[in-house]
Amino acid sequence: MKHKAKFRIPTWFPELESEKVEKLSLFHHELLKFNKAINLVSPRTLDDVDVLHFSDSILGGQIILKKNTSDEIYDIGSGNGFPGMVMAILSPEVKFVLVDSDKRKAEFLKHAAATLNLKNVFVRPGRLESIEQETIRSGVCRAFAHLPRSLYLTRHVFSVGATFFHFKGNEWSFEVANLPEQLCSTWNTTLLGEYELPEKNIRHTILLASKIK
């Protein structure tokens, strides 16, 4: 079935500068083009990529960027570039390191960054184990893993005092409640903000995990 390739970001976010909207539109185009060969987003969501992925990354990204104090943010398990690529467009003064173990997705991210001329995007193919311990001061993830697993897998690569932002849905409270005691003594997790996707009755949240030891 042929997708409709809707792009309603200018309507939903009229405050965005034209240059940023153009880059978002180009990324949208490249994503749909490469999705034919690489499974970047589910075929069932192609008609709503702009709302489910782009608007989600913009709204959550805006909350994160207001809180972030680091000049470098790692997108853990970036995959299709959400939210890292979108946040890099929103905040060109911040360096974004997109980390993913899937070589084909990493190559797509490199292609997209070059096509969009994003000088602040650096793609790092490979697993988390390849990152030097305690080097990340600020990170973000979206659909990487459930909160307990995400904090467990990344605990060695974040430095003490680091911030780790998580895109979550309504299930966030259950994930926080299921954090084992060991992780609670390493991370302090709080609700940072909430938002609703345009034209959808879907509420999402941003969790902030701060590394305390």
Protein backbone atom coordinates (compact mmCIF):
# COMPACT_ATOMS: atom_id res chain seq x y z
CA MET A 1 0.00 0.00 0.00
CA LYS A 2 1.38 3.40 -0.94
CA HIS A 3 1.96 5.72 2.03
CA LYS A 4 0.62 9.26 2.09
CA ALA A 5 3.86 10.92 3.22
CA LYS A 6 2.11 13.61 5.25
CA PHE A 7 4.31 16.27 6.82
CA ARG A 8 2.32 18.52 9.15
CA ILE A 9 5.18 19.84 11.29
CA PRO A 10 4.88 23.45 9.96
CA THR A 11 1.21 23.50 10.99
CA TRP A 12 1.82 22.06 14.45
CA PHE A 13 4.99 24.05 15.19
CA PRO A 14 4.66 27.44 13.45
CA GLU A 15 7.29 28.91 15.77
CA LEU A 16 10.08 26.80 14.24
CA GLU A 17 12.52 28.65 11.98
CA SER A 18 12.15 27.88 8.26
CA GLU A 19 15.66 26.42 8.05
CA LYS A 20 14.86 23.89 10.79
CA VAL A 21 11.55 22.98 9.16
CA GLU A 22 13.35 22.42 5.84
CA LYS A 23 15.85 20.08 7.49
CA LEU A 24 13.08 18.19 9.27
CA SER A 25 11.23 17.83 5.97
CA LEU A 26 14.35 16.53 4.25
CA PHE A 27 14.94 14.04 7.05
CA HIS A 28 11.31 12.91 6.69
CA HIS A 29 11.90 12.35 2.97
CA GLU A 30 15.12 10.38 3.51
CA LEU A 31 13.55 8.27 6.24
CA LEU A 32 10.66 7.19 4.03
CA LYS A 33 12.98 6.55 1.09
CA PHE A 34 15.36 4.32 3.04
CA ASN A 35 12.57 2.59 4.93
CA LYS A 36 11.95 0.57 1.78
CA ALA A 37 15.30 -1.17 2.26
CA ILE A 38 15.87 -0.83 6.01
CA ASN A 39 13.22 -1.36 8.66
CA LEU A 40 13.52 2.09 10.26
CA VAL A 41 9.86 2.52 11.23
CA SER A 42 6.94 0.13 11.17
CA PRO A 43 5.06 0.10 7.83
CA ARG A 44 1.87 0.47 9.86
CA THR A 45 3.01 3.92 11.08
CA LEU A 46 4.15 5.37 7.74
CA ASP A 47 1.02 7.52 7.38
CA ASP A 48 1.69 9.09 10.78
CA VAL A 49 5.48 9.29 10.94
CA ASP A 50 5.23 13.06 11.34
CA VAL A 51 3.12 12.82 14.50
CA LEU A 52 4.34 9.57 16.07
CA HIS A 53 8.06 10.16 15.56
CA PHE A 54 8.76 13.76 14.53
CA SER A 55 6.35 15.60 16.82
CA ASP A 56 7.20 13.24 19.68
CA SER A 57 10.91 13.98 19.29
CA ILE A 58 10.26 17.73 19.00
CA LEU A 59 7.98 18.00 22.04
CA GLY A 60 10.08 15.74 24.23
CA GLY A 61 13.28 17.25 22.89
CA GLN A 62 12.17 20.77 23.80
CA ILE A 63 11.63 19.67 27.41
CA ILE A 64 15.03 17.99 27.52
CA LEU A 65 16.94 20.85 25.91
CA LYS A 66 15.56 23.30 28.49
CA LYS A 67 17.01 21.11 31.28
CA ASN A 68 20.21 19.95 29.62
CA THR A 69 23.42 21.76 30.63
CA SER A 70 25.93 19.71 28.63
CA ASP A 71 27.36 20.67 25.25
CA GLU A 72 27.27 17.00 24.19
CA ILE A 73 24.35 14.55 24.25
CA TYR A 74 24.54 10.84 23.44
CA ASP A 75 21.48 9.24 21.81
CA ILE A 76 21.64 5.64 23.05
CA GLY A 77 20.24 3.15 20.54
CA SER A 78 19.49 5.92 18.05
CA GLY A 79 18.46 3.50 15.29
CA ASN A 80 16.21 5.57 13.04
CA GLY A 81 17.48 8.91 14.37
CA PHE A 82 14.69 9.63 16.85
CA PRO A 83 15.13 11.64 18.92
CA GLY A 84 18.82 12.49 18.33
CA MET A 85 18.64 13.67 14.71
CA VAL A 86 15.57 15.82 15.38
CA MET A 87 17.08 17.30 18.55
CA ALA A 88 20.27 18.08 16.63
CA ILE A 89 18.20 20.11 14.16
CA LEU A 90 16.49 21.94 17.02
CA SER A 91 19.73 22.70 18.85
CA PRO A 92 22.66 23.10 16.40
CA GLU A 93 24.95 24.42 19.15
CA VAL A 94 24.90 21.05 20.96
CA LYS A 95 26.94 18.07 19.75
CA PHE A 96 24.91 14.86 19.34
CA VAL A 97 26.55 11.43 19.29
CA LEU A 98 24.21 8.82 17.82
CA VAL A 99 25.05 5.33 19.07
CA ASP A 100 23.67 2.17 17.46
CA SER A 101 24.94 -1.39 17.05
CA ASP A 102 23.05 -2.01 13.79
CA LYS A 103 25.52 -1.26 10.99
CA ARG A 104 22.87 -0.56 8.35
CA LYS A 105 21.01 1.87 10.59
CA ALA A 106 24.30 3.55 11.50
CA GLU A 107 25.06 4.00 7.79
CA PHE A 108 21.61 5.54 7.30
CA LEU A 109 22.29 7.96 10.15
CA LYS A 110 25.62 8.96 8.57
CA HIS A 111 23.90 9.49 5.23
CA ALA A 112 21.11 11.56 6.80
CA ALA A 113 23.52 13.74 8.77
CA ALA A 114 25.56 14.42 5.62
CA THR A 115 22.47 15.08 3.49
CA LEU A 116 21.08 17.52 6.07
CA ASN A 117 24.55 19.07 6.54
CA LEU A 118 24.36 18.61 10.31
CA LYS A 119 27.84 19.47 11.52
CA ASN A 120 26.84 18.74 15.13
CA VAL A 121 25.94 15.07 14.51
CA PHE A 122 28.46 12.26 14.97
CA VAL A 123 27.50 8.63 14.42
CA ARG A 124 29.17 6.00 16.57
CA PRO A 125 28.47 2.46 15.33
CA GLY A 126 28.94 -0.31 17.86
CA ARG A 127 27.74 -1.58 21.19
CA LEU A 128 27.73 0.28 24.49
CA GLU A 129 30.74 -1.77 25.60
CA SER A 130 32.85 0.12 23.06
CA ILE A 131 32.30 3.41 24.91
CA GLU A 132 34.89 4.28 27.54
CA GLN A 133 33.51 4.03 31.06
CA GLU A 134 32.15 7.13 32.80
CA THR A 135 32.53 9.37 29.74
CA ILE A 136 28.90 10.36 29.07
CA ARG A 137 27.65 13.46 30.88
CA SER A 138 24.27 13.68 29.18
CA GLY A 139 22.27 11.10 27.27
CA VAL A 140 18.84 10.42 25.84
CA CYS A 141 16.98 7.34 24.66
CA ARG A 142 13.66 6.56 23.04
CA ALA A 143 12.42 2.97 22.62
CA PHE A 144 15.85 1.63 23.63
CA ALA A 145 14.71 -0.59 26.51
CA HIS A 146 12.50 -0.60 29.60
CA LEU A 147 13.82 1.76 32.25
CA PRO A 148 15.38 -0.88 34.56
CA ARG A 149 17.25 -2.54 31.69
CA SER A 150 18.25 0.79 30.16
CA LEU A 151 19.76 2.06 33.41
CA TYR A 152 21.46 -1.26 34.05
CA LEU A 153 23.06 -1.53 30.60
CA THR A 154 24.33 2.05 30.62
CA ARG A 155 25.41 2.40 34.26
CA HIS A 156 29.15 2.14 33.49
CA VAL A 157 29.32 4.63 30.61
CA PHE A 158 27.68 7.55 32.45
CA SER A 159 29.78 9.65 34.79
CA VAL A 160 28.68 10.56 38.31
CA GLY A 161 26.41 13.61 38.11
CA ALA A 162 25.35 12.76 34.53
CA THR A 163 21.79 13.18 33.29
CA PHE A 164 19.98 10.50 31.27
CA PHE A 165 16.65 11.51 29.69
CA HIS A 166 14.06 8.85 28.76
CA PHE A 167 11.06 9.15 26.43
CA LYS A 168 8.20 7.20 27.99
CA GLY A 169 4.47 6.64 27.68
CA ASN A 170 1.82 6.13 30.34
CA GLU A 171 3.64 3.07 31.68
CA TRP A 172 6.45 5.15 33.18
CA SER A 173 5.28 4.80 36.79
CA PHE A 174 5.33 1.00 36.55
CA GLU A 175 8.87 1.06 35.18
CA VAL A 176 10.03 3.32 38.00
CA ALA A 177 8.28 1.11 40.57
CA ASN A 178 10.10 -1.94 39.18
CA LEU A 179 13.57 -0.45 39.58
CA PRO A 180 15.66 -2.79 41.75
CA GLU A 181 17.28 -1.40 44.89
CA GLN A 182 20.75 -1.60 43.33
CA LEU A 183 19.74 0.77 40.52
CA CYS A 184 17.92 3.12 42.91
CA SER A 185 21.17 3.55 44.80
CA THR A 186 22.94 4.43 41.53
CA TRP A 187 20.30 6.54 39.80
CA ASN A 188 17.78 9.10 41.06
CA THR A 189 14.79 9.01 38.70
CA THR A 190 12.13 11.73 38.50
CA LEU A 191 9.36 12.85 36.15
CA LEU A 192 10.66 15.84 34.18
CA GLY A 193 7.68 16.73 31.97
CA GLU A 194 4.58 15.62 30.08
CA TYR A 195 3.15 16.45 26.65
CA GLU A 196 0.43 15.34 24.23
CA LEU A 197 0.95 14.48 20.58
CA PRO A 198 -0.88 16.70 18.05
CA GLU A 199 -4.22 15.34 16.84
CA LYS A 200 -3.76 12.26 19.03
CA ASN A 201 -5.11 11.54 22.47
CA ILE A 202 -1.71 10.15 23.42
CA ARG A 203 0.17 11.49 26.43
CA HIS A 204 3.91 10.98 26.71
CA THR A 205 6.44 11.78 29.41
CA ILE A 206 10.11 12.53 29.87
CA LEU A 207 11.89 10.89 32.80
CA LEU A 208 15.17 12.20 34.14
CA ALA A 209 17.63 9.75 35.66
CA SER A 210 20.55 11.40 37.46
CA LYS A 211 23.67 9.31 38.19
CA ILE A 212 24.41 9.63 41.89
CA LYS A 213 27.29 7.18 42.28
